[in-house]
N, C-alpha and C. Protein backbone atom coordinates (compact mmCIF):
# COMPACT_ATOMS: atom_id res chain seq x y z
N MET A 1 17.88 -27.52 -6.59
CA MET A 1 18.09 -26.73 -7.80
C MET A 1 19.19 -25.72 -7.55
N ILE A 2 20.12 -25.63 -8.44
CA ILE A 2 21.16 -24.62 -8.37
C ILE A 2 20.68 -23.40 -9.15
N ALA A 3 20.58 -22.27 -8.47
CA ALA A 3 20.11 -21.05 -9.13
C ALA A 3 21.23 -20.48 -9.98
N LEU A 4 20.92 -20.23 -11.23
CA LEU A 4 21.88 -19.62 -12.12
C LEU A 4 21.65 -18.13 -12.27
N ALA A 5 20.43 -17.69 -11.99
CA ALA A 5 20.11 -16.27 -12.10
C ALA A 5 19.00 -15.93 -11.12
N ARG A 6 18.95 -14.69 -10.75
CA ARG A 6 17.89 -14.17 -9.89
C ARG A 6 17.10 -13.14 -10.69
N VAL A 7 15.79 -13.25 -10.64
CA VAL A 7 14.90 -12.36 -11.39
C VAL A 7 14.42 -11.24 -10.47
N ARG A 8 14.52 -10.02 -10.96
CA ARG A 8 14.08 -8.84 -10.21
C ARG A 8 13.12 -8.02 -11.06
N VAL A 9 12.13 -7.43 -10.40
CA VAL A 9 11.21 -6.51 -11.07
C VAL A 9 11.19 -5.21 -10.28
N ASP A 10 11.38 -4.10 -10.97
CA ASP A 10 11.29 -2.78 -10.36
C ASP A 10 9.82 -2.37 -10.39
N ALA A 11 9.16 -2.48 -9.26
CA ALA A 11 7.72 -2.18 -9.18
C ALA A 11 7.42 -0.73 -9.52
N GLU A 12 8.38 0.16 -9.32
CA GLU A 12 8.18 1.57 -9.66
C GLU A 12 8.08 1.79 -11.17
N LYS A 13 8.75 0.95 -11.95
CA LYS A 13 8.75 1.09 -13.40
C LYS A 13 7.61 0.33 -14.07
N CYS A 14 7.16 -0.76 -13.46
CA CYS A 14 6.15 -1.62 -14.08
C CYS A 14 4.80 -0.89 -14.15
N VAL A 15 4.20 -0.88 -15.34
CA VAL A 15 2.88 -0.27 -15.50
C VAL A 15 1.83 -1.29 -15.92
N GLY A 16 2.20 -2.55 -16.02
CA GLY A 16 1.24 -3.61 -16.24
C GLY A 16 0.89 -3.94 -17.68
N HIS A 17 1.85 -3.86 -18.58
CA HIS A 17 1.58 -4.27 -19.96
C HIS A 17 1.26 -5.76 -20.05
N GLY A 18 1.88 -6.56 -19.18
CA GLY A 18 1.55 -7.99 -19.10
C GLY A 18 2.33 -8.89 -20.04
N ARG A 19 3.25 -8.35 -20.78
CA ARG A 19 4.02 -9.18 -21.71
C ARG A 19 4.82 -10.25 -20.97
N CYS A 20 5.36 -9.90 -19.83
CA CYS A 20 6.20 -10.84 -19.08
C CYS A 20 5.43 -12.09 -18.68
N TYR A 21 4.27 -11.93 -18.07
CA TYR A 21 3.55 -13.12 -17.60
C TYR A 21 2.83 -13.86 -18.71
N VAL A 22 2.63 -13.21 -19.84
CA VAL A 22 2.08 -13.92 -20.99
C VAL A 22 3.18 -14.77 -21.64
N LEU A 23 4.39 -14.22 -21.73
CA LEU A 23 5.50 -14.92 -22.37
C LEU A 23 6.19 -15.94 -21.46
N ALA A 24 6.15 -15.70 -20.16
CA ALA A 24 6.87 -16.59 -19.22
C ALA A 24 6.03 -16.83 -17.97
N PRO A 25 4.92 -17.53 -18.09
CA PRO A 25 4.04 -17.74 -16.94
C PRO A 25 4.64 -18.61 -15.84
N GLU A 26 5.73 -19.31 -16.12
CA GLU A 26 6.39 -20.11 -15.10
C GLU A 26 7.21 -19.24 -14.15
N VAL A 27 7.49 -18.01 -14.57
CA VAL A 27 8.34 -17.10 -13.80
C VAL A 27 7.55 -15.92 -13.25
N PHE A 28 6.60 -15.41 -14.02
CA PHE A 28 5.87 -14.19 -13.66
C PHE A 28 4.36 -14.45 -13.60
N GLU A 29 3.69 -13.64 -12.79
CA GLU A 29 2.23 -13.60 -12.82
C GLU A 29 1.82 -12.16 -12.54
N GLU A 30 0.53 -11.91 -12.61
CA GLU A 30 0.04 -10.55 -12.39
C GLU A 30 -0.56 -10.39 -11.00
N ASP A 31 -0.45 -9.16 -10.48
CA ASP A 31 -1.13 -8.87 -9.23
C ASP A 31 -2.53 -8.36 -9.53
N GLU A 32 -3.23 -7.88 -8.53
CA GLU A 32 -4.61 -7.45 -8.71
C GLU A 32 -4.76 -6.24 -9.63
N ARG A 33 -3.68 -5.51 -9.87
CA ARG A 33 -3.71 -4.35 -10.78
C ARG A 33 -3.16 -4.69 -12.17
N GLY A 34 -2.73 -5.94 -12.37
CA GLY A 34 -2.15 -6.34 -13.65
C GLY A 34 -0.65 -6.11 -13.74
N HIS A 35 -0.03 -5.74 -12.62
CA HIS A 35 1.41 -5.52 -12.60
C HIS A 35 2.15 -6.84 -12.34
N CYS A 36 3.39 -6.88 -12.73
CA CYS A 36 4.20 -8.09 -12.66
C CYS A 36 4.59 -8.47 -11.23
N ILE A 37 4.48 -9.76 -10.95
CA ILE A 37 4.99 -10.37 -9.73
C ILE A 37 5.90 -11.52 -10.15
N VAL A 38 7.06 -11.60 -9.53
CA VAL A 38 7.97 -12.72 -9.79
C VAL A 38 7.54 -13.88 -8.90
N ILE A 39 7.22 -15.01 -9.51
CA ILE A 39 6.83 -16.18 -8.73
C ILE A 39 7.97 -17.19 -8.60
N GLU A 40 8.99 -17.04 -9.43
CA GLU A 40 10.16 -17.92 -9.37
C GLU A 40 11.39 -17.02 -9.42
N GLU A 41 11.82 -16.55 -8.24
CA GLU A 41 12.89 -15.56 -8.17
C GLU A 41 14.27 -16.13 -8.55
N ASP A 42 14.59 -17.30 -8.05
CA ASP A 42 15.87 -17.95 -8.37
C ASP A 42 15.60 -18.99 -9.44
N VAL A 43 16.16 -18.78 -10.62
CA VAL A 43 15.81 -19.63 -11.76
C VAL A 43 16.99 -20.44 -12.27
N SER A 44 16.67 -21.63 -12.76
CA SER A 44 17.63 -22.49 -13.42
C SER A 44 17.87 -21.97 -14.83
N GLU A 45 18.74 -22.63 -15.55
CA GLU A 45 19.03 -22.21 -16.92
C GLU A 45 17.79 -22.23 -17.80
N ALA A 46 16.98 -23.27 -17.68
CA ALA A 46 15.77 -23.37 -18.51
C ALA A 46 14.80 -22.23 -18.21
N LEU A 47 14.57 -21.93 -16.94
CA LEU A 47 13.67 -20.84 -16.60
C LEU A 47 14.30 -19.48 -16.85
N ALA A 48 15.62 -19.39 -16.80
CA ALA A 48 16.29 -18.12 -17.12
C ALA A 48 16.00 -17.73 -18.56
N ASP A 49 15.94 -18.70 -19.45
CA ASP A 49 15.59 -18.41 -20.85
C ASP A 49 14.18 -17.82 -20.93
N GLU A 50 13.26 -18.38 -20.16
CA GLU A 50 11.89 -17.86 -20.12
C GLU A 50 11.87 -16.45 -19.53
N ALA A 51 12.59 -16.26 -18.43
CA ALA A 51 12.63 -14.95 -17.79
C ALA A 51 13.22 -13.89 -18.71
N ARG A 52 14.20 -14.27 -19.52
CA ARG A 52 14.79 -13.33 -20.48
C ARG A 52 13.77 -12.86 -21.51
N LYS A 53 12.83 -13.72 -21.86
CA LYS A 53 11.76 -13.30 -22.77
C LYS A 53 10.98 -12.14 -22.15
N GLY A 54 10.66 -12.28 -20.88
CA GLY A 54 9.97 -11.20 -20.19
C GLY A 54 10.82 -9.96 -20.10
N GLU A 55 12.10 -10.13 -19.80
CA GLU A 55 13.03 -9.00 -19.68
C GLU A 55 13.14 -8.25 -21.02
N ARG A 56 13.33 -8.99 -22.09
CA ARG A 56 13.50 -8.37 -23.42
C ARG A 56 12.24 -7.68 -23.91
N ASN A 57 11.09 -8.13 -23.46
CA ASN A 57 9.83 -7.61 -23.97
C ASN A 57 9.15 -6.61 -23.04
N CYS A 58 9.80 -6.23 -21.97
CA CYS A 58 9.23 -5.24 -21.05
C CYS A 58 9.52 -3.84 -21.59
N PRO A 59 8.48 -3.11 -21.99
CA PRO A 59 8.69 -1.77 -22.56
C PRO A 59 9.36 -0.78 -21.59
N GLU A 60 9.15 -0.97 -20.29
CA GLU A 60 9.72 -0.05 -19.31
C GLU A 60 11.10 -0.47 -18.83
N GLY A 61 11.54 -1.66 -19.18
CA GLY A 61 12.82 -2.16 -18.67
C GLY A 61 12.77 -2.43 -17.18
N ALA A 62 11.62 -2.85 -16.68
CA ALA A 62 11.44 -3.07 -15.25
C ALA A 62 11.98 -4.42 -14.77
N ILE A 63 12.29 -5.32 -15.69
CA ILE A 63 12.74 -6.66 -15.33
C ILE A 63 14.24 -6.79 -15.62
N ARG A 64 14.93 -7.44 -14.68
CA ARG A 64 16.35 -7.73 -14.94
C ARG A 64 16.72 -9.06 -14.31
N LEU A 65 17.68 -9.71 -14.93
CA LEU A 65 18.23 -10.95 -14.40
C LEU A 65 19.62 -10.65 -13.88
N GLU A 66 19.90 -11.15 -12.68
CA GLU A 66 21.21 -10.98 -12.06
C GLU A 66 21.87 -12.33 -11.95
N ARG A 67 23.14 -12.38 -12.16
CA ARG A 67 23.92 -13.61 -11.98
C ARG A 67 24.51 -13.64 -10.61
């Protein structure tokens, strides 16, 4: 797989709303406190679209995609 983007989560900003892993379960999951964990850090174009859903819907802006 050729990675088109890398997914990052700022753990300091994440408070566990859970929108990311509900909207993109192929990329994110929750830890024991309900905070976001990236399970697919290097994503293809198809998963980048899913990751962007999490990024756009994070109230704290804790998620970002890097090229």
